[in-house]
Amino acid sequence: MFSKNSRYFGLGTVTATEEGRSVTAVKLRRLPEIMGKPFMVTGGDQLDVLSAQRFKDPTRFWHVADANTELEANELVVKTSRILRMPER
């Protein structure tokens, strides 16, 4: 269902049926505590570019979002001078 580099790859699903309509959803994903080095956001920073530099893979931006417990990843770089945790892996 999800590609291997997705944050949802390998998670279980649940299905609910109401009024004859079934909906399948991904189970809640618990975030482990992730250590990381401090990184200050500057104007023009983009998570995909930071991920390409850090992990050699721009699609792994969600690792940064997870380390900072942010659901909407792009919100991390909206405010300049914000200090993020950049994961080691």
C-alpha atoms as a PDB file:
ATOM      1  CA  MET A   1       0.000   0.000   0.000  1.00  0.00           C
ATOM      2  CA  PHE A   2       2.814   2.440   0.928  1.00  0.00           C
ATOM      3  CA  SER A   3       6.305   2.634  -0.570  1.00  0.00           C
ATOM      4  CA  LYS A   4       9.231   1.381   1.533  1.00  0.00           C
ATOM      5  CA  ASN A   5      10.460   4.894   2.328  1.00  0.00           C
ATOM      6  CA  SER A   6       7.046   6.031   3.614  1.00  0.00           C
ATOM      7  CA  ARG A   7       6.555   6.666   7.331  1.00  0.00           C
ATOM      8  CA  TYR A   8       3.475   4.415   7.096  1.00  0.00           C
ATOM      9  CA  PHE A   9       5.179   1.403   5.456  1.00  0.00           C
ATOM     10  CA  GLY A  10       4.601  -1.792   7.412  1.00  0.00           C
ATOM     11  CA  LEU A  11       1.950  -0.435   9.771  1.00  0.00           C
ATOM     12  CA  GLY A  12      -1.193  -2.423  10.381  1.00  0.00           C
ATOM     13  CA  THR A  13      -4.601  -1.240   9.273  1.00  0.00           C
ATOM     14  CA  VAL A  14      -8.093  -1.229  10.736  1.00  0.00           C
ATOM     15  CA  THR A  15     -11.370  -1.349   8.845  1.00  0.00           C
ATOM     16  CA  ALA A  16     -14.621   0.168  10.033  1.00  0.00           C
ATOM     17  CA  THR A  17     -17.999  -0.329   8.406  1.00  0.00           C
ATOM     18  CA  GLU A  18     -20.950   1.960   8.872  1.00  0.00           C
ATOM     19  CA  GLU A  19     -24.161   2.054   6.861  1.00  0.00           C
ATOM     20  CA  GLY A  20     -22.697  -0.415   4.376  1.00  0.00           C
ATOM     21  CA  ARG A  21     -19.601   1.677   3.684  1.00  0.00           C
ATOM     22  CA  SER A  22     -16.136   0.373   4.671  1.00  0.00           C
ATOM     23  CA  VAL A  23     -13.175   2.598   5.391  1.00  0.00           C
ATOM     24  CA  THR A  24      -9.641   1.317   5.954  1.00  0.00           C
ATOM     25  CA  ALA A  25      -7.166   3.404   7.943  1.00  0.00           C
ATOM     26  CA  VAL A  26      -3.606   3.020   9.135  1.00  0.00           C
ATOM     27  CA  LYS A  27      -3.198   2.251  12.830  1.00  0.00           C
ATOM     28  CA  LEU A  28      -1.742   4.907  15.098  1.00  0.00           C
ATOM     29  CA  ARG A  29       2.013   5.109  14.812  1.00  0.00           C
ATOM     30  CA  ARG A  30       3.842   5.731  18.078  1.00  0.00           C
ATOM     31  CA  LEU A  31       6.929   7.898  17.780  1.00  0.00           C
ATOM     32  CA  PRO A  32      10.035   6.788  19.630  1.00  0.00           C
ATOM     33  CA  GLU A  33      12.261   9.396  21.282  1.00  0.00           C
ATOM     34  CA  ILE A  34      14.752  10.385  18.597  1.00  0.00           C
ATOM     35  CA  MET A  35      17.968  12.116  19.497  1.00  0.00           C
ATOM     36  CA  GLY A  36      19.391  14.624  17.098  1.00  0.00           C
ATOM     37  CA  LYS A  37      21.716  17.540  16.630  1.00  0.00           C
ATOM     38  CA  PRO A  38      20.298  21.076  16.854  1.00  0.00           C
ATOM     39  CA  PHE A  39      19.716  22.829  13.531  1.00  0.00           C
ATOM     40  CA  MET A  40      18.512  26.414  13.083  1.00  0.00           C
ATOM     41  CA  VAL A  41      16.041  27.078  10.278  1.00  0.00           C
ATOM     42  CA  THR A  42      17.058  29.899   7.954  1.00  0.00           C
ATOM     43  CA  GLY A  43      15.089  31.588   5.202  1.00  0.00           C
ATOM     44  CA  GLY A  44      14.565  29.349   2.214  1.00  0.00           C
ATOM     45  CA  ASP A  45      15.213  26.031   3.984  1.00  0.00           C
ATOM     46  CA  GLN A  46      13.256  23.121   2.529  1.00  0.00           C
ATOM     47  CA  LEU A  47      12.893  19.736   4.206  1.00  0.00           C
ATOM     48  CA  ASP A  48      13.469  17.753   1.038  1.00  0.00           C
ATOM     49  CA  VAL A  49      16.754  19.582   0.417  1.00  0.00           C
ATOM     50  CA  LEU A  50      17.849  19.176   4.045  1.00  0.00           C
ATOM     51  CA  SER A  51      16.981  15.461   3.821  1.00  0.00           C
ATOM     52  CA  ALA A  52      18.943  15.058   0.606  1.00  0.00           C
ATOM     53  CA  GLN A  53      21.972  16.624   2.294  1.00  0.00           C
ATOM     54  CA  ARG A  54      21.578  14.646   5.540  1.00  0.00           C
ATOM     55  CA  PHE A  55      20.354  11.240   4.316  1.00  0.00           C
ATOM     56  CA  LYS A  56      21.191  11.327   0.594  1.00  0.00           C
ATOM     57  CA  ASP A  57      17.442  10.837   0.018  1.00  0.00           C
ATOM     58  CA  PRO A  58      15.010  13.774  -0.218  1.00  0.00           C
ATOM     59  CA  THR A  59      11.985  11.533   0.435  1.00  0.00           C
ATOM     60  CA  ARG A  60      13.175  10.867   3.998  1.00  0.00           C
ATOM     61  CA  PHE A  61      12.070  14.329   5.178  1.00  0.00           C
ATOM     62  CA  TRP A  62       9.636  12.575   7.496  1.00  0.00           C
ATOM     63  CA  HIS A  63      12.562  11.487   9.704  1.00  0.00           C
ATOM     64  CA  VAL A  64      13.053  15.157  10.548  1.00  0.00           C
ATOM     65  CA  ALA A  65       9.313  15.586  11.162  1.00  0.00           C
ATOM     66  CA  ASP A  66       9.289  12.558  13.478  1.00  0.00           C
ATOM     67  CA  ALA A  67      12.303  13.786  15.438  1.00  0.00           C
ATOM     68  CA  ASN A  68      10.434  17.031  16.067  1.00  0.00           C
ATOM     69  CA  THR A  69       7.004  15.362  16.545  1.00  0.00           C
ATOM     70  CA  GLU A  70       5.476  17.473  13.781  1.00  0.00           C
ATOM     71  CA  LEU A  71       2.512  16.030  11.904  1.00  0.00           C
ATOM     72  CA  GLU A  72       2.703  18.529   9.036  1.00  0.00           C
ATOM     73  CA  ALA A  73       6.366  18.352   8.049  1.00  0.00           C
ATOM     74  CA  ASN A  74       6.526  21.603   6.082  1.00  0.00           C
ATOM     75  CA  GLU A  75       5.492  23.563   9.180  1.00  0.00           C
ATOM     76  CA  LEU A  76       8.994  22.898  10.540  1.00  0.00           C
ATOM     77  CA  VAL A  77      10.633  25.358   8.155  1.00  0.00           C
ATOM     78  CA  VAL A  78       7.986  28.094   8.099  1.00  0.00           C
ATOM     79  CA  LYS A  79       9.474  30.136  10.944  1.00  0.00           C
ATOM     80  CA  THR A  80      13.106  31.195  10.637  1.00  0.00           C
ATOM     81  CA  SER A  81      15.325  30.791  13.705  1.00  0.00           C
ATOM     82  CA  ARG A  82      13.350  27.728  14.836  1.00  0.00           C
ATOM     83  CA  ILE A  83      15.643  25.099  16.328  1.00  0.00           C
ATOM     84  CA  LEU A  84      15.027  21.604  14.996  1.00  0.00           C
ATOM     85  CA  ARG A  85      16.457  18.267  16.020  1.00  0.00           C
ATOM     86  CA  MET A  86      18.149  16.665  13.021  1.00  0.00           C
ATOM     87  CA  PRO A  87      18.201  12.871  13.472  1.00  0.00           C
ATOM     88  CA  GLU A  88      21.463  10.976  13.316  1.00  0.00           C
ATOM     89  CA  ARG A  89      20.193   8.271  10.979  1.00  0.00           C
END
